[in-house]
C-alpha cells in the first residue's frame, strides 16, 4: 500500500484526488495539508506543513506557487518523493526544484493527464515522419473563459515535443495578425481559444499536400489530471533522487 500526503487537500483538485484514492486499493492518503481545515476527509489535516510528522511514501502537491518553496524544503529535509502538480512557478522556483531533486525524487509535468502525455509521445513519433516529408505543424488549444494565460502550458509542451523530434529546428508563432507573408515552413503555429466551460481541448494538426492528419485530446473533467497524479505517486514511491516527468510514468 502506497502512503500519500496530500498537500492542498481541501482545494478542488485535492478533493478530486481524495475521491479517486478512496476507490484505489493500492494507495491511501495518510495525511492532508491545507490552510483550511474545514471538512472531514477521513484522514488528519494539518494547517502547518511542518507540524505533519506522519510517515509517507510520497507527497502530491496541488496548491499554489506561493507554497512551493515550503513544500520543497519539507520534502527535501525528509527525503520524501514529491509529485509537484502546482503550476505558475517562478524561474527561481524552477531552479530550486532542480536543486532539490538532487536530494529526493521529484516528478513535475506541464500536464498530469495520462492521455496528454501519451499524445506527446505519439505526435513526436509522427513529426519524425510527417514534418520530415514537408507537412506543416499547427496546434489549436481551447480552454474555459476564466483561464488567464495563453497559450496553455500543455500546448507549449506539445510544441516542444514536436520541435525536439526535429532537433530543435523550428520556432513558434503565436500571432499572425500583423504578418502579411507566406507561412514559414520551419514554424509551429499555436492558437488559443477561450470560452465557456471548456476544461481543455488540444489538437495537433499535420497539414500536408492533399491530406491532413489531426491528433486530438479532450478533457471532460479535471479528474483526468487527478488520475495522472495518483499514478505518478505510485510510480515515484521508492525512486532514487532525481527529476522525473509523466513520460517516465507512461514508460
C-alpha atoms as a PDB file:
ATOM      1  CA  UNK A   1       0.000   0.000   0.000  1.00  0.00           C
ATOM      2  CA  UNK A   2       1.440   3.355  -1.098  1.00  0.00           C
ATOM      3  CA  UNK A   3       1.011   6.020   1.606  1.00  0.00           C
ATOM      4  CA  UNK A   4       0.492   9.578   0.369  1.00  0.00           C
ATOM      5  CA  UNK A   5       0.381  13.034   1.952  1.00  0.00           C
ATOM      6  CA  UNK A   6      -1.984  15.319   0.031  1.00  0.00           C
ATOM      7  CA  UNK A   7      -0.838  18.962   0.058  1.00  0.00           C
ATOM      8  CA  UNK A   8      -3.737  21.271  -0.795  1.00  0.00           C
ATOM      9  CA  UNK A   9      -6.189  18.565   0.244  1.00  0.00           C
ATOM     10  CA  UNK A  10      -9.189  20.878   0.679  1.00  0.00           C
ATOM     11  CA  UNK A  11      -8.807  22.609  -2.668  1.00  0.00           C
ATOM     12  CA  UNK A  12     -10.753  21.445  -5.720  1.00  0.00           C
ATOM     13  CA  UNK A  13      -8.061  19.113  -7.068  1.00  0.00           C
ATOM     14  CA  UNK A  14      -7.194  17.921  -3.577  1.00  0.00           C
ATOM     15  CA  UNK A  15     -10.779  16.775  -3.145  1.00  0.00           C
ATOM     16  CA  UNK A  16     -10.825  15.172  -6.603  1.00  0.00           C
ATOM     17  CA  UNK A  17      -7.698  13.187  -5.743  1.00  0.00           C
ATOM     18  CA  UNK A  18      -9.045  12.251  -2.316  1.00  0.00           C
ATOM     19  CA  UNK A  19     -12.112  10.782  -4.014  1.00  0.00           C
ATOM     20  CA  UNK A  20     -10.024   8.854  -6.549  1.00  0.00           C
ATOM     21  CA  UNK A  21      -7.767   7.377  -3.892  1.00  0.00           C
ATOM     22  CA  UNK A  22     -10.737   6.187  -1.839  1.00  0.00           C
ATOM     23  CA  UNK A  23     -11.567   3.911  -4.776  1.00  0.00           C
ATOM     24  CA  UNK A  24      -7.983   2.696  -5.277  1.00  0.00           C
ATOM     25  CA  UNK A  25      -6.898  -0.261  -3.154  1.00  0.00           C
ATOM     26  CA  UNK A  26      -3.213   0.293  -3.956  1.00  0.00           C
ATOM     27  CA  UNK A  27      -2.857   3.725  -2.351  1.00  0.00           C
ATOM     28  CA  UNK A  28      -4.148   5.678   0.650  1.00  0.00           C
ATOM     29  CA  UNK A  29      -3.898   9.234   1.936  1.00  0.00           C
ATOM     30  CA  UNK A  30      -2.420   9.167   5.434  1.00  0.00           C
ATOM     31  CA  UNK A  31      -2.442  12.942   5.971  1.00  0.00           C
ATOM     32  CA  UNK A  32      -3.524  16.160   4.343  1.00  0.00           C
ATOM     33  CA  UNK A  33      -2.109  19.674   4.495  1.00  0.00           C
ATOM     34  CA  UNK A  34      -4.196  22.762   3.862  1.00  0.00           C
ATOM     35  CA  UNK A  35      -4.609  26.280   5.230  1.00  0.00           C
ATOM     36  CA  UNK A  36      -8.310  25.486   5.713  1.00  0.00           C
ATOM     37  CA  UNK A  37      -9.285  22.564   7.928  1.00  0.00           C
ATOM     38  CA  UNK A  38     -12.998  22.871   7.291  1.00  0.00           C
ATOM     39  CA  UNK A  39     -14.163  19.342   6.479  1.00  0.00           C
ATOM     40  CA  UNK A  40     -13.837  15.711   7.489  1.00  0.00           C
ATOM     41  CA  UNK A  41     -11.663  13.958   4.925  1.00  0.00           C
ATOM     42  CA  UNK A  42     -11.237  10.708   6.790  1.00  0.00           C
ATOM     43  CA  UNK A  43      -7.555  11.489   7.413  1.00  0.00           C
ATOM     44  CA  UNK A  44      -5.795  14.041   9.659  1.00  0.00           C
ATOM     45  CA  UNK A  45      -5.332  17.526   8.183  1.00  0.00           C
ATOM     46  CA  UNK A  46      -2.527  19.873   9.234  1.00  0.00           C
ATOM     47  CA  UNK A  47      -2.724  23.631   8.672  1.00  0.00           C
ATOM     48  CA  UNK A  48       1.058  23.863   9.223  1.00  0.00           C
ATOM     49  CA  UNK A  49       3.121  21.615   6.950  1.00  0.00           C
ATOM     50  CA  UNK A  50       5.973  21.428   9.461  1.00  0.00           C
ATOM     51  CA  UNK A  51       3.610  20.004  12.076  1.00  0.00           C
ATOM     52  CA  UNK A  52       2.931  16.966   9.871  1.00  0.00           C
ATOM     53  CA  UNK A  53       5.090  14.146  11.242  1.00  0.00           C
ATOM     54  CA  UNK A  54       3.276  11.233   9.608  1.00  0.00           C
ATOM     55  CA  UNK A  55       5.401   8.788   7.620  1.00  0.00           C
ATOM     56  CA  UNK A  56       4.553   8.505   3.915  1.00  0.00           C
ATOM     57  CA  UNK A  57       5.922   7.208   0.609  1.00  0.00           C
ATOM     58  CA  UNK A  58       5.172  10.334  -1.439  1.00  0.00           C
ATOM     59  CA  UNK A  59       3.527  13.741  -1.381  1.00  0.00           C
ATOM     60  CA  UNK A  60       1.148  15.082  -4.027  1.00  0.00           C
ATOM     61  CA  UNK A  61       1.076  18.875  -4.224  1.00  0.00           C
ATOM     62  CA  UNK A  62      -1.861  20.592  -5.931  1.00  0.00           C
ATOM     63  CA  UNK A  63      -1.884  24.016  -4.302  1.00  0.00           C
ATOM     64  CA  UNK A  64      -0.325  27.407  -5.086  1.00  0.00           C
ATOM     65  CA  UNK A  65       3.094  28.511  -6.273  1.00  0.00           C
ATOM     66  CA  UNK A  66       3.210  30.633  -3.099  1.00  0.00           C
ATOM     67  CA  UNK A  67       3.583  27.433  -1.061  1.00  0.00           C
ATOM     68  CA  UNK A  68       6.071  25.727  -3.387  1.00  0.00           C
ATOM     69  CA  UNK A  69       9.235  26.754  -1.518  1.00  0.00           C
ATOM     70  CA  UNK A  70       7.915  25.429   1.785  1.00  0.00           C
ATOM     71  CA  UNK A  71       6.804  22.179   0.121  1.00  0.00           C
ATOM     72  CA  UNK A  72      10.227  21.701  -1.479  1.00  0.00           C
ATOM     73  CA  UNK A  73      12.012  22.368   1.810  1.00  0.00           C
ATOM     74  CA  UNK A  74       9.751  19.890   3.641  1.00  0.00           C
ATOM     75  CA  UNK A  75      10.201  17.088   1.126  1.00  0.00           C
ATOM     76  CA  UNK A  76      13.938  17.655   0.768  1.00  0.00           C
ATOM     77  CA  UNK A  77      14.511  17.554   4.517  1.00  0.00           C
ATOM     78  CA  UNK A  78      12.581  14.269   4.800  1.00  0.00           C
ATOM     79  CA  UNK A  79      13.789  12.745   1.511  1.00  0.00           C
ATOM     80  CA  UNK A  80      10.089  12.442   0.629  1.00  0.00           C
ATOM     81  CA  UNK A  81       9.317  11.908  -3.095  1.00  0.00           C
ATOM     82  CA  UNK A  82       7.195  14.774  -4.432  1.00  0.00           C
ATOM     83  CA  UNK A  83       4.628  14.843  -7.246  1.00  0.00           C
ATOM     84  CA  UNK A  84       4.628  18.580  -7.993  1.00  0.00           C
ATOM     85  CA  UNK A  85       1.415  19.447  -9.831  1.00  0.00           C
ATOM     86  CA  UNK A  86       1.287  23.137  -8.947  1.00  0.00           C
ATOM     87  CA  UNK A  87       1.724  25.440 -11.969  1.00  0.00           C
ATOM     88  CA  UNK A  88       2.884  29.028 -12.343  1.00  0.00           C
ATOM     89  CA  UNK A  89       6.251  28.508 -10.637  1.00  0.00           C
ATOM     90  CA  UNK A  90       8.765  31.344 -10.942  1.00  0.00           C
ATOM     91  CA  UNK A  91      12.126  30.891 -12.636  1.00  0.00           C
ATOM     92  CA  UNK A  92      13.773  30.906  -9.207  1.00  0.00           C
ATOM     93  CA  UNK A  93      11.422  28.176  -8.024  1.00  0.00           C
ATOM     94  CA  UNK A  94      12.117  26.055 -11.096  1.00  0.00           C
ATOM     95  CA  UNK A  95      15.820  26.283 -10.314  1.00  0.00           C
ATOM     96  CA  UNK A  96      15.072  25.261  -6.739  1.00  0.00           C
ATOM     97  CA  UNK A  97      13.122  22.235  -7.987  1.00  0.00           C
ATOM     98  CA  UNK A  98      16.223  21.067  -9.854  1.00  0.00           C
ATOM     99  CA  UNK A  99      18.430  21.595  -6.819  1.00  0.00           C
ATOM    100  CA  UNK A 100      16.037  19.745  -4.506  1.00  0.00           C
ATOM    101  CA  UNK A 101      15.806  16.837  -6.954  1.00  0.00           C
ATOM    102  CA  UNK A 102      19.439  16.090  -6.092  1.00  0.00           C
ATOM    103  CA  UNK A 103      18.217  15.129  -2.605  1.00  0.00           C
ATOM    104  CA  UNK A 104      14.844  13.495  -3.308  1.00  0.00           C
ATOM    105  CA  UNK A 105      12.738  12.270  -6.223  1.00  0.00           C
ATOM    106  CA  UNK A 106      10.578  14.993  -7.804  1.00  0.00           C
ATOM    107  CA  UNK A 107       8.101  14.487 -10.622  1.00  0.00           C
ATOM    108  CA  UNK A 108       6.912  17.600 -12.434  1.00  0.00           C
ATOM    109  CA  UNK A 109       4.935  17.798 -15.671  1.00  0.00           C
ATOM    110  CA  UNK A 110       3.164  20.528 -17.646  1.00  0.00           C
ATOM    111  CA  UNK A 111       0.061  18.319 -17.694  1.00  0.00           C
ATOM    112  CA  UNK A 112      -0.672  15.359 -15.417  1.00  0.00           C
ATOM    113  CA  UNK A 113      -3.118  13.658 -17.809  1.00  0.00           C
ATOM    114  CA  UNK A 114      -2.054  10.184 -18.902  1.00  0.00           C
ATOM    115  CA  UNK A 115      -3.784  10.840 -22.230  1.00  0.00           C
ATOM    116  CA  UNK A 116      -1.944  14.094 -22.936  1.00  0.00           C
ATOM    117  CA  UNK A 117       1.402  12.539 -22.110  1.00  0.00           C
ATOM    118  CA  UNK A 118       0.676   9.616 -24.420  1.00  0.00           C
ATOM    119  CA  UNK A 119      -0.311  12.175 -27.079  1.00  0.00           C
ATOM    120  CA  UNK A 120       3.071  13.893 -26.674  1.00  0.00           C
ATOM    121  CA  UNK A 121       4.827  10.651 -27.478  1.00  0.00           C
ATOM    122  CA  UNK A 122       2.574   9.947 -30.459  1.00  0.00           C
ATOM    123  CA  UNK A 123       2.980  13.383 -32.057  1.00  0.00           C
ATOM    124  CA  UNK A 124       6.732  13.238 -31.537  1.00  0.00           C
ATOM    125  CA  UNK A 125       6.866   9.986 -33.497  1.00  0.00           C
ATOM    126  CA  UNK A 126       4.529  11.407 -36.152  1.00  0.00           C
ATOM    127  CA  UNK A 127       6.646  14.543 -36.592  1.00  0.00           C
ATOM    128  CA  UNK A 128       9.706  12.479 -37.474  1.00  0.00           C
ATOM    129  CA  UNK A 129       7.778  11.069 -40.442  1.00  0.00           C
ATOM    130  CA  UNK A 130       5.375  13.832 -41.459  1.00  0.00           C
ATOM    131  CA  UNK A 131       7.345  17.037 -40.798  1.00  0.00           C
ATOM    132  CA  UNK A 132      10.332  15.446 -42.483  1.00  0.00           C
ATOM    133  CA  UNK A 133       8.054  14.907 -45.504  1.00  0.00           C
ATOM    134  CA  UNK A 134       7.087  18.593 -45.623  1.00  0.00           C
ATOM    135  CA  UNK A 135       3.880  18.617 -43.543  1.00  0.00           C
ATOM    136  CA  UNK A 136       3.140  21.873 -41.685  1.00  0.00           C
ATOM    137  CA  UNK A 137       2.503  21.581 -37.929  1.00  0.00           C
ATOM    138  CA  UNK A 138      -0.123  23.585 -36.045  1.00  0.00           C
ATOM    139  CA  UNK A 139      -1.576  23.374 -32.532  1.00  0.00           C
ATOM    140  CA  UNK A 140      -5.015  24.660 -31.516  1.00  0.00           C
ATOM    141  CA  UNK A 141      -5.869  24.694 -27.804  1.00  0.00           C
ATOM    142  CA  UNK A 142      -9.223  25.560 -26.203  1.00  0.00           C
ATOM    143  CA  UNK A 143      -9.945  26.331 -22.554  1.00  0.00           C
ATOM    144  CA  UNK A 144     -12.641  27.881 -20.378  1.00  0.00           C
ATOM    145  CA  UNK A 145     -13.172  31.631 -20.301  1.00  0.00           C
ATOM    146  CA  UNK A 146     -11.606  32.010 -16.839  1.00  0.00           C
ATOM    147  CA  UNK A 147      -8.165  30.801 -17.934  1.00  0.00           C
ATOM    148  CA  UNK A 148      -5.863  33.826 -17.986  1.00  0.00           C
ATOM    149  CA  UNK A 149      -2.711  32.541 -19.670  1.00  0.00           C
ATOM    150  CA  UNK A 150      -2.437  31.786 -23.377  1.00  0.00           C
ATOM    151  CA  UNK A 151      -1.219  29.635 -24.921  1.00  0.00           C
ATOM    152  CA  UNK A 152      -1.588  26.881 -22.361  1.00  0.00           C
ATOM    153  CA  UNK A 153       1.434  25.198 -20.829  1.00  0.00           C
ATOM    154  CA  UNK A 154       0.226  21.956 -22.385  1.00  0.00           C
ATOM    155  CA  UNK A 155       0.182  23.488 -25.882  1.00  0.00           C
ATOM    156  CA  UNK A 156       3.762  24.667 -25.409  1.00  0.00           C
ATOM    157  CA  UNK A 157       4.767  21.222 -24.122  1.00  0.00           C
ATOM    158  CA  UNK A 158       3.216  19.651 -27.231  1.00  0.00           C
ATOM    159  CA  UNK A 159       5.112  22.111 -29.418  1.00  0.00           C
ATOM    160  CA  UNK A 160       8.301  21.225 -27.556  1.00  0.00           C
ATOM    161  CA  UNK A 161       7.662  17.541 -28.280  1.00  0.00           C
ATOM    162  CA  UNK A 162       7.349  18.310 -31.993  1.00  0.00           C
ATOM    163  CA  UNK A 163      10.404  20.549 -32.040  1.00  0.00           C
ATOM    164  CA  UNK A 164      12.597  18.135 -30.099  1.00  0.00           C
ATOM    165  CA  UNK A 165      11.675  15.411 -32.596  1.00  0.00           C
ATOM    166  CA  UNK A 166      13.026  17.713 -35.315  1.00  0.00           C
ATOM    167  CA  UNK A 167      16.252  18.523 -33.457  1.00  0.00           C
ATOM    168  CA  UNK A 168      15.063  21.984 -32.428  1.00  0.00           C
ATOM    169  CA  UNK A 169      14.961  23.323 -35.976  1.00  0.00           C
ATOM    170  CA  UNK A 170      11.529  25.000 -35.606  1.00  0.00           C
ATOM    171  CA  UNK A 171      10.311  28.217 -33.973  1.00  0.00           C
ATOM    172  CA  UNK A 172       6.882  29.025 -32.532  1.00  0.00           C
ATOM    173  CA  UNK A 173       4.354  31.536 -33.890  1.00  0.00           C
ATOM    174  CA  UNK A 174       1.562  32.757 -31.595  1.00  0.00           C
ATOM    175  CA  UNK A 175       0.042  35.598 -33.622  1.00  0.00           C
ATOM    176  CA  UNK A 176      -0.092  36.130 -37.382  1.00  0.00           C
ATOM    177  CA  UNK A 177      -2.346  39.198 -37.315  1.00  0.00           C
ATOM    178  CA  UNK A 178       0.488  41.626 -38.095  1.00  0.00           C
ATOM    179  CA  UNK A 179       2.151  39.426 -40.689  1.00  0.00           C
ATOM    180  CA  UNK A 180       1.418  39.540 -44.409  1.00  0.00           C
ATOM    181  CA  UNK A 181       3.679  36.852 -45.732  1.00  0.00           C
ATOM    182  CA  UNK A 182       3.696  33.186 -46.574  1.00  0.00           C
ATOM    183  CA  UNK A 183       3.948  30.708 -43.746  1.00  0.00           C
ATOM    184  CA  UNK A 184       7.492  29.787 -42.745  1.00  0.00           C
ATOM    185  CA  UNK A 185       7.936  26.032 -43.284  1.00  0.00           C
ATOM    186  CA  UNK A 186      10.002  25.894 -40.072  1.00  0.00           C
ATOM    187  CA  UNK A 187       7.338  27.321 -37.775  1.00  0.00           C
ATOM    188  CA  UNK A 188       4.871  25.673 -35.413  1.00  0.00           C
ATOM    189  CA  UNK A 189       1.732  27.771 -35.074  1.00  0.00           C
ATOM    190  CA  UNK A 190      -0.046  27.807 -31.715  1.00  0.00           C
ATOM    191  CA  UNK A 191      -3.580  29.228 -31.472  1.00  0.00           C
ATOM    192  CA  UNK A 192      -5.629  29.745 -28.282  1.00  0.00           C
ATOM    193  CA  UNK A 193      -9.422  29.771 -27.891  1.00  0.00           C
ATOM    194  CA  UNK A 194     -11.115  30.876 -24.639  1.00  0.00           C
ATOM    195  CA  UNK A 195     -14.793  30.401 -23.901  1.00  0.00           C
ATOM    196  CA  UNK A 196     -17.494  28.797 -21.811  1.00  0.00           C
ATOM    197  CA  UNK A 197     -16.542  25.942 -19.525  1.00  0.00           C
ATOM    198  CA  UNK A 198     -14.154  24.021 -21.806  1.00  0.00           C
ATOM    199  CA  UNK A 199     -11.905  22.003 -19.488  1.00  0.00           C
ATOM    200  CA  UNK A 200      -9.162  21.566 -22.060  1.00  0.00           C
ATOM    201  CA  UNK A 201      -9.015  20.602 -25.752  1.00  0.00           C
ATOM    202  CA  UNK A 202      -5.801  20.222 -27.759  1.00  0.00           C
ATOM    203  CA  UNK A 203      -5.459  19.472 -31.464  1.00  0.00           C
ATOM    204  CA  UNK A 204      -2.112  18.828 -33.139  1.00  0.00           C
ATOM    205  CA  UNK A 205      -2.518  19.237 -36.900  1.00  0.00           C
ATOM    206  CA  UNK A 206      -0.189  17.916 -39.583  1.00  0.00           C
ATOM    207  CA  UNK A 207      -1.195  19.601 -42.864  1.00  0.00           C
ATOM    208  CA  UNK A 208       0.412  18.249 -45.995  1.00  0.00           C
ATOM    209  CA  UNK A 209      -0.242  18.215 -49.725  1.00  0.00           C
ATOM    210  CA  UNK A 210      -3.824  16.996 -50.211  1.00  0.00           C
ATOM    211  CA  UNK A 211      -4.160  15.424 -46.748  1.00  0.00           C
ATOM    212  CA  UNK A 212      -4.453  16.448 -43.109  1.00  0.00           C
ATOM    213  CA  UNK A 213      -3.818  14.308 -40.028  1.00  0.00           C
ATOM    214  CA  UNK A 214      -5.098  15.558 -36.645  1.00  0.00           C
ATOM    215  CA  UNK A 215      -4.310  14.196 -33.199  1.00  0.00           C
ATOM    216  CA  UNK A 216      -6.885  15.330 -30.627  1.00  0.00           C
ATOM    217  CA  UNK A 217      -7.341  15.190 -26.869  1.00  0.00           C
ATOM    218  CA  UNK A 218     -10.416  16.388 -24.992  1.00  0.00           C
ATOM    219  CA  UNK A 219     -10.587  16.584 -21.193  1.00  0.00           C
ATOM    220  CA  UNK A 220     -14.168  16.385 -19.914  1.00  0.00           C
ATOM    221  CA  UNK A 221     -13.322  16.914 -16.245  1.00  0.00           C
ATOM    222  CA  UNK A 222     -10.345  17.714 -14.052  1.00  0.00           C
ATOM    223  CA  UNK A 223     -10.467  14.121 -12.883  1.00  0.00           C
ATOM    224  CA  UNK A 224      -8.041  13.198 -15.686  1.00  0.00           C
ATOM    225  CA  UNK A 225      -5.363  15.325 -14.030  1.00  0.00           C
ATOM    226  CA  UNK A 226      -6.094  13.782 -10.635  1.00  0.00           C
ATOM    227  CA  UNK A 227      -5.843  10.262 -12.028  1.00  0.00           C
ATOM    228  CA  UNK A 228      -2.467  11.080 -13.524  1.00  0.00           C
ATOM    229  CA  UNK A 229      -1.230  12.487 -10.204  1.00  0.00           C
ATOM    230  CA  UNK A 230      -2.247   9.307  -8.385  1.00  0.00           C
ATOM    231  CA  UNK A 231      -0.455   7.116 -10.929  1.00  0.00           C
ATOM    232  CA  UNK A 232       2.582   9.393 -10.640  1.00  0.00           C
ATOM    233  CA  UNK A 233       2.658   8.944  -6.847  1.00  0.00           C
ATOM    234  CA  UNK A 234       2.559   5.161  -7.260  1.00  0.00           C
ATOM    235  CA  UNK A 235       5.418   5.373  -9.734  1.00  0.00           C
ATOM    236  CA  UNK A 236       7.549   7.769  -7.672  1.00  0.00           C
ATOM    237  CA  UNK A 237       7.361   5.931  -4.330  1.00  0.00           C
ATOM    238  CA  UNK A 238      10.738   4.383  -3.600  1.00  0.00           C
ATOM    239  CA  UNK A 239      12.504   6.030  -6.553  1.00  0.00           C
ATOM    240  CA  UNK A 240      16.004   7.472  -6.058  1.00  0.00           C
ATOM    241  CA  UNK A 241      16.627  11.222  -6.072  1.00  0.00           C
ATOM    242  CA  UNK A 242      16.272  12.869  -9.472  1.00  0.00           C
ATOM    243  CA  UNK A 243      13.913  14.655 -11.839  1.00  0.00           C
ATOM    244  CA  UNK A 244      11.052  12.691 -13.360  1.00  0.00           C
ATOM    245  CA  UNK A 245       8.038  13.521 -15.534  1.00  0.00           C
ATOM    246  CA  UNK A 246       4.885  11.851 -16.818  1.00  0.00           C
ATOM    247  CA  UNK A 247       6.767  10.344 -19.735  1.00  0.00           C
ATOM    248  CA  UNK A 248       8.536   8.181 -17.144  1.00  0.00           C
ATOM    249  CA  UNK A 249       5.165   7.120 -15.742  1.00  0.00           C
ATOM    250  CA  UNK A 250       3.716   6.003 -19.076  1.00  0.00           C
ATOM    251  CA  UNK A 251       7.045   4.333 -19.777  1.00  0.00           C
END
